[in-house]
């Protein structure tokens, strides 16, 4: 595994991180499944996942 080095451009950094997550979890469906699995742990820490329906975000 190569050493992590943050990119200078924040937009490029966001895309790099997103691509890495999608590759790690086998696409958006796999990443969504992972988020569903860890949801109780994160909610216990006070975080909430925003669900998007009809183009509007809801808590």
PDB file of N, CA and C in Angstrom:
ATOM      1  N   UNK A   1       0.850  -1.179   0.000  1.00  0.00           N
ATOM      2  CA  UNK A   1       0.000   0.000   0.000  1.00  0.00           C
ATOM      3  C   UNK A   1       0.893   1.239   0.000  1.00  0.00           C
ATOM      4  N   UNK A   2       0.553   2.177  -0.876  1.00  0.00           N
ATOM      5  CA  UNK A   2       1.377   3.372  -0.957  1.00  0.00           C
ATOM      6  C   UNK A   2       1.056   4.348   0.168  1.00  0.00           C
ATOM      7  N   UNK A   3       2.010   5.179   0.478  1.00  0.00           N
ATOM      8  CA  UNK A   3       1.839   6.146   1.553  1.00  0.00           C
ATOM      9  C   UNK A   3       0.834   7.223   1.151  1.00  0.00           C
ATOM     10  N   UNK A   4      -0.051   7.580   2.072  1.00  0.00           N
ATOM     11  CA  UNK A   4      -1.063   8.602   1.809  1.00  0.00           C
ATOM     12  C   UNK A   4      -0.423   9.977   1.768  1.00  0.00           C
ATOM     13  N   UNK A   5      -0.764  10.749   0.731  1.00  0.00           N
ATOM     14  CA  UNK A   5      -0.316  12.134   0.632  1.00  0.00           C
ATOM     15  C   UNK A   5      -1.505  12.953   0.146  1.00  0.00           C
ATOM     16  N   UNK A   6      -1.917  13.901   0.965  1.00  0.00           N
ATOM     17  CA  UNK A   6      -3.049  14.746   0.606  1.00  0.00           C
ATOM     18  C   UNK A   6      -2.709  15.587  -0.617  1.00  0.00           C
ATOM     19  N   UNK A   7      -3.671  15.705  -1.524  1.00  0.00           N
ATOM     20  CA  UNK A   7      -3.474  16.512  -2.723  1.00  0.00           C
ATOM     21  C   UNK A   7      -3.599  17.989  -2.392  1.00  0.00           C
ATOM     22  N   UNK A   8      -2.985  18.827  -3.206  1.00  0.00           N
ATOM     23  CA  UNK A   8      -3.042  20.276  -2.984  1.00  0.00           C
ATOM     24  C   UNK A   8      -4.412  20.863  -3.312  1.00  0.00           C
ATOM     25  N   UNK A   9      -5.097  20.295  -4.285  1.00  0.00           N
ATOM     26  CA  UNK A   9      -6.402  20.796  -4.707  1.00  0.00           C
ATOM     27  C   UNK A   9      -7.489  20.063  -3.910  1.00  0.00           C
ATOM     28  N   UNK A  10      -8.281  20.775  -3.105  1.00  0.00           N
ATOM     29  CA  UNK A  10      -9.298  20.102  -2.277  1.00  0.00           C
ATOM     30  C   UNK A  10     -10.351  19.368  -3.104  1.00  0.00           C
ATOM     31  N   UNK A  11     -10.687  19.869  -4.282  1.00  0.00           N
ATOM     32  CA  UNK A  11     -11.675  19.187  -5.129  1.00  0.00           C
ATOM     33  C   UNK A  11     -11.111  17.856  -5.616  1.00  0.00           C
ATOM     34  N   UNK A  12      -9.859  17.873  -6.065  1.00  0.00           N
ATOM     35  CA  UNK A  12      -9.214  16.627  -6.478  1.00  0.00           C
ATOM     36  C   UNK A  12      -9.134  15.642  -5.314  1.00  0.00           C
ATOM     37  N   UNK A  13      -8.917  16.159  -4.109  1.00  0.00           N
ATOM     38  CA  UNK A  13      -8.827  15.303  -2.928  1.00  0.00           C
ATOM     39  C   UNK A  13     -10.166  14.620  -2.648  1.00  0.00           C
ATOM     40  N   UNK A  14     -11.260  15.358  -2.773  1.00  0.00           N
ATOM     41  CA  UNK A  14     -12.594  14.770  -2.560  1.00  0.00           C
ATOM     42  C   UNK A  14     -12.847  13.662  -3.574  1.00  0.00           C
ATOM     43  N   UNK A  15     -12.550  13.922  -4.837  1.00  0.00           N
ATOM     44  CA  UNK A  15     -12.745  12.904  -5.869  1.00  0.00           C
ATOM     45  C   UNK A  15     -11.871  11.678  -5.611  1.00  0.00           C
ATOM     46  N   UNK A  16     -10.636  11.882  -5.175  1.00  0.00           N
ATOM     47  CA  UNK A  16      -9.731  10.770  -4.905  1.00  0.00           C
ATOM     48  C   UNK A  16     -10.280   9.896  -3.780  1.00  0.00           C
ATOM     49  N   UNK A  17     -10.753  10.541  -2.717  1.00  0.00           N
ATOM     50  CA  UNK A  17     -11.296   9.795  -1.576  1.00  0.00           C
ATOM     51  C   UNK A  17     -12.567   9.046  -1.988  1.00  0.00           C
ATOM     52  N   UNK A  18     -13.446   9.708  -2.723  1.00  0.00           N
ATOM     53  CA  UNK A  18     -14.679   9.049  -3.176  1.00  0.00           C
ATOM     54  C   UNK A  18     -14.376   7.839  -4.052  1.00  0.00           C
ATOM     55  N   UNK A  19     -13.450   7.991  -4.991  1.00  0.00           N
ATOM     56  CA  UNK A  19     -13.085   6.882  -5.863  1.00  0.00           C
ATOM     57  C   UNK A  19     -12.516   5.720  -5.057  1.00  0.00           C
ATOM     58  N   UNK A  20     -11.678   6.027  -4.080  1.00  0.00           N
ATOM     59  CA  UNK A  20     -11.085   4.978  -3.242  1.00  0.00           C
ATOM     60  C   UNK A  20     -12.175   4.223  -2.470  1.00  0.00           C
ATOM     61  N   UNK A  21     -13.167   4.945  -1.935  1.00  0.00           N
ATOM     62  CA  UNK A  21     -14.258   4.298  -1.199  1.00  0.00           C
ATOM     63  C   UNK A  21     -15.093   3.409  -2.121  1.00  0.00           C
ATOM     64  N   UNK A  22     -15.398   3.904  -3.312  1.00  0.00           N
ATOM     65  CA  UNK A  22     -16.185   3.107  -4.253  1.00  0.00           C
ATOM     66  C   UNK A  22     -15.431   1.856  -4.675  1.00  0.00           C
ATOM     67  N   UNK A  23     -14.134   1.979  -4.887  1.00  0.00           N
ATOM     68  CA  UNK A  23     -13.331   0.806  -5.240  1.00  0.00           C
ATOM     69  C   UNK A  23     -13.277  -0.189  -4.074  1.00  0.00           C
ATOM     70  N   UNK A  24     -13.127   0.330  -2.859  1.00  0.00           N
ATOM     71  CA  UNK A  24     -13.027  -0.536  -1.682  1.00  0.00           C
ATOM     72  C   UNK A  24     -14.297  -1.341  -1.446  1.00  0.00           C
ATOM     73  N   UNK A  25     -15.459  -0.711  -1.671  1.00  0.00           N
ATOM     74  CA  UNK A  25     -16.726  -1.368  -1.369  1.00  0.00           C
ATOM     75  C   UNK A  25     -17.448  -1.893  -2.600  1.00  0.00           C
ATOM     76  N   UNK A  26     -16.794  -1.880  -3.752  1.00  0.00           N
ATOM     77  CA  UNK A  26     -17.386  -2.476  -4.945  1.00  0.00           C
ATOM     78  C   UNK A  26     -18.502  -1.664  -5.569  1.00  0.00           C
ATOM     79  N   UNK A  27     -18.428  -0.361  -5.492  1.00  0.00           N
ATOM     80  CA  UNK A  27     -19.435   0.498  -6.109  1.00  0.00           C
ATOM     81  C   UNK A  27     -20.354   1.127  -5.083  1.00  0.00           C
ATOM     82  N   UNK A  28     -21.297   1.892  -5.589  1.00  0.00           N
ATOM     83  CA  UNK A  28     -22.179   2.664  -4.714  1.00  0.00           C
ATOM     84  C   UNK A  28     -23.092   1.755  -3.897  1.00  0.00           C
ATOM     85  N   UNK A  29     -23.530   0.629  -4.479  1.00  0.00           N
ATOM     86  CA  UNK A  29     -24.404  -0.275  -3.729  1.00  0.00           C
ATOM     87  C   UNK A  29     -23.662  -0.881  -2.533  1.00  0.00           C
ATOM     88  N   UNK A  30     -22.415  -1.277  -2.745  1.00  0.00           N
ATOM     89  CA  UNK A  30     -21.622  -1.840  -1.659  1.00  0.00           C
ATOM     90  C   UNK A  30     -21.313  -0.818  -0.581  1.00  0.00           C
ATOM     91  N   UNK A  31     -21.032   0.411  -1.002  1.00  0.00           N
ATOM     92  CA  UNK A  31     -20.746   1.465  -0.026  1.00  0.00           C
ATOM     93  C   UNK A  31     -22.000   1.809   0.775  1.00  0.00           C
ATOM     94  N   UNK A  32     -23.149   1.842   0.097  1.00  0.00           N
ATOM     95  CA  UNK A  32     -24.412   2.112   0.795  1.00  0.00           C
ATOM     96  C   UNK A  32     -24.712   1.008   1.813  1.00  0.00           C
ATOM     97  N   UNK A  33     -24.450  -0.247   1.433  1.00  0.00           N
ATOM     98  CA  UNK A  33     -24.659  -1.369   2.357  1.00  0.00           C
ATOM     99  C   UNK A  33     -23.746  -1.226   3.577  1.00  0.00           C
ATOM    100  N   UNK A  34     -22.494  -0.848   3.333  1.00  0.00           N
ATOM    101  CA  UNK A  34     -21.550  -0.633   4.440  1.00  0.00           C
ATOM    102  C   UNK A  34     -22.064   0.457   5.381  1.00  0.00           C
ATOM    103  N   UNK A  35     -22.555   1.560   4.821  1.00  0.00           N
ATOM    104  CA  UNK A  35     -23.077   2.644   5.656  1.00  0.00           C
ATOM    105  C   UNK A  35     -24.270   2.175   6.487  1.00  0.00           C
ATOM    106  N   UNK A  36     -25.126   1.349   5.897  1.00  0.00           N
ATOM    107  CA  UNK A  36     -26.265   0.796   6.652  1.00  0.00           C
ATOM    108  C   UNK A  36     -25.786  -0.067   7.814  1.00  0.00           C
ATOM    109  N   UNK A  37     -24.702  -0.812   7.596  1.00  0.00           N
ATOM    110  CA  UNK A  37     -24.168  -1.688   8.641  1.00  0.00           C
ATOM    111  C   UNK A  37     -23.556  -0.911   9.804  1.00  0.00           C
ATOM    112  N   UNK A  38     -22.901   0.195   9.508  1.00  0.00           N
ATOM    113  CA  UNK A  38     -22.236   0.965  10.572  1.00  0.00           C
ATOM    114  C   UNK A  38     -23.121   2.074  11.141  1.00  0.00           C
ATOM    115  N   UNK A  39     -24.313   2.223  10.568  1.00  0.00           N
ATOM    116  CA  UNK A  39     -25.225   3.288  11.002  1.00  0.00           C
ATOM    117  C   UNK A  39     -25.509   3.281  12.505  1.00  0.00           C
ATOM    118  N   UNK A  40     -25.847   2.139  13.124  1.00  0.00           N
ATOM    119  CA  UNK A  40     -26.141   2.155  14.568  1.00  0.00           C
ATOM    120  C   UNK A  40     -24.961   2.667  15.407  1.00  0.00           C
ATOM    121  N   UNK A  41     -23.769   2.271  15.037  1.00  0.00           N
ATOM    122  CA  UNK A  41     -22.575   2.713  15.763  1.00  0.00           C
ATOM    123  C   UNK A  41     -22.417   4.239  15.665  1.00  0.00           C
ATOM    124  N   UNK A  42     -22.576   4.770  14.443  1.00  0.00           N
ATOM    125  CA  UNK A  42     -22.419   6.217  14.250  1.00  0.00           C
ATOM    126  C   UNK A  42     -23.551   6.996  14.922  1.00  0.00           C
ATOM    127  N   UNK A  43     -24.773   6.477  14.857  1.00  0.00           N
ATOM    128  CA  UNK A  43     -25.892   7.157  15.516  1.00  0.00           C
ATOM    129  C   UNK A  43     -25.708   7.178  17.027  1.00  0.00           C
ATOM    130  N   UNK A  44     -25.118   6.111  17.581  1.00  0.00           N
ATOM    131  CA  UNK A  44     -24.841   6.080  19.021  1.00  0.00           C
ATOM    132  C   UNK A  44     -23.842   7.156  19.416  1.00  0.00           C
ATOM    133  N   UNK A  45     -23.005   7.568  18.461  1.00  0.00           N
ATOM    134  CA  UNK A  45     -22.029   8.639  18.712  1.00  0.00           C
ATOM    135  C   UNK A  45     -22.627  10.018  18.440  1.00  0.00           C
ATOM    136  N   UNK A  46     -23.893  10.069  17.996  1.00  0.00           N
ATOM    137  CA  UNK A  46     -24.561  11.345  17.781  1.00  0.00           C
ATOM    138  C   UNK A  46     -24.657  11.789  16.338  1.00  0.00           C
ATOM    139  N   UNK A  47     -24.146  10.992  15.391  1.00  0.00           N
ATOM    140  CA  UNK A  47     -24.225  11.354  13.975  1.00  0.00           C
ATOM    141  C   UNK A  47     -25.547  10.891  13.394  1.00  0.00           C
ATOM    142  N   UNK A  48     -25.993  11.552  12.352  1.00  0.00           N
ATOM    143  CA  UNK A  48     -27.199  11.163  11.640  1.00  0.00           C
ATOM    144  C   UNK A  48     -26.891  11.118  10.153  1.00  0.00           C
ATOM    145  N   UNK A  49     -27.419  10.092   9.481  1.00  0.00           N
ATOM    146  CA  UNK A  49     -27.258   9.973   8.042  1.00  0.00           C
ATOM    147  C   UNK A  49     -28.417  10.668   7.357  1.00  0.00           C
ATOM    148  N   UNK A  50     -28.109  11.517   6.409  1.00  0.00           N
ATOM    149  CA  UNK A  50     -29.148  12.232   5.663  1.00  0.00           C
ATOM    150  C   UNK A  50     -29.626  11.337   4.541  1.00  0.00           C
ATOM    151  N   UNK A  51     -30.914  11.169   4.445  1.00  0.00           N
ATOM    152  CA  UNK A  51     -31.522  10.389   3.370  1.00  0.00           C
ATOM    153  C   UNK A  51     -32.082  11.371   2.350  1.00  0.00           C
ATOM    154  N   UNK A  52     -31.839  11.111   1.089  1.00  0.00           N
ATOM    155  CA  UNK A  52     -32.342  11.992   0.053  1.00  0.00           C
ATOM    156  C   UNK A  52     -33.536  11.336  -0.641  1.00  0.00           C
ATOM    157  N   UNK A  53     -34.649  12.062  -0.683  1.00  0.00           N
ATOM    158  CA  UNK A  53     -35.830  11.600  -1.394  1.00  0.00           C
ATOM    159  C   UNK A  53     -36.384  12.763  -2.175  1.00  0.00           C
ATOM    160  N   UNK A  54     -36.767  12.529  -3.397  1.00  0.00           N
ATOM    161  CA  UNK A  54     -37.364  13.549  -4.270  1.00  0.00           C
ATOM    162  C   UNK A  54     -36.499  14.806  -4.346  1.00  0.00           C
ATOM    163  N   UNK A  55     -35.190  14.644  -4.288  1.00  0.00           N
ATOM    164  CA  UNK A  55     -34.306  15.786  -4.437  1.00  0.00           C
ATOM    165  C   UNK A  55     -34.181  16.640  -3.204  1.00  0.00           C
ATOM    166  N   UNK A  56     -34.833  16.262  -2.094  1.00  0.00           N
ATOM    167  CA  UNK A  56     -34.751  17.030  -0.857  1.00  0.00           C
ATOM    168  C   UNK A  56     -34.128  16.160   0.220  1.00  0.00           C
ATOM    169  N   UNK A  57     -33.203  16.710   0.970  1.00  0.00           N
ATOM    170  CA  UNK A  57     -32.556  15.961   2.045  1.00  0.00           C
ATOM    171  C   UNK A  57     -33.397  16.027   3.314  1.00  0.00           C
ATOM    172  N   UNK A  58     -33.513  14.890   3.973  1.00  0.00           N
ATOM    173  CA  UNK A  58     -34.255  14.804   5.236  1.00  0.00           C
ATOM    174  C   UNK A  58     -33.381  14.134   6.274  1.00  0.00           C
ATOM    175  N   UNK A  59     -33.541  14.525   7.518  1.00  0.00           N
ATOM    176  CA  UNK A  59     -32.810  13.861   8.601  1.00  0.00           C
ATOM    177  C   UNK A  59     -33.592  12.672   9.081  1.00  0.00           C
TER     178      UNK A  59
END
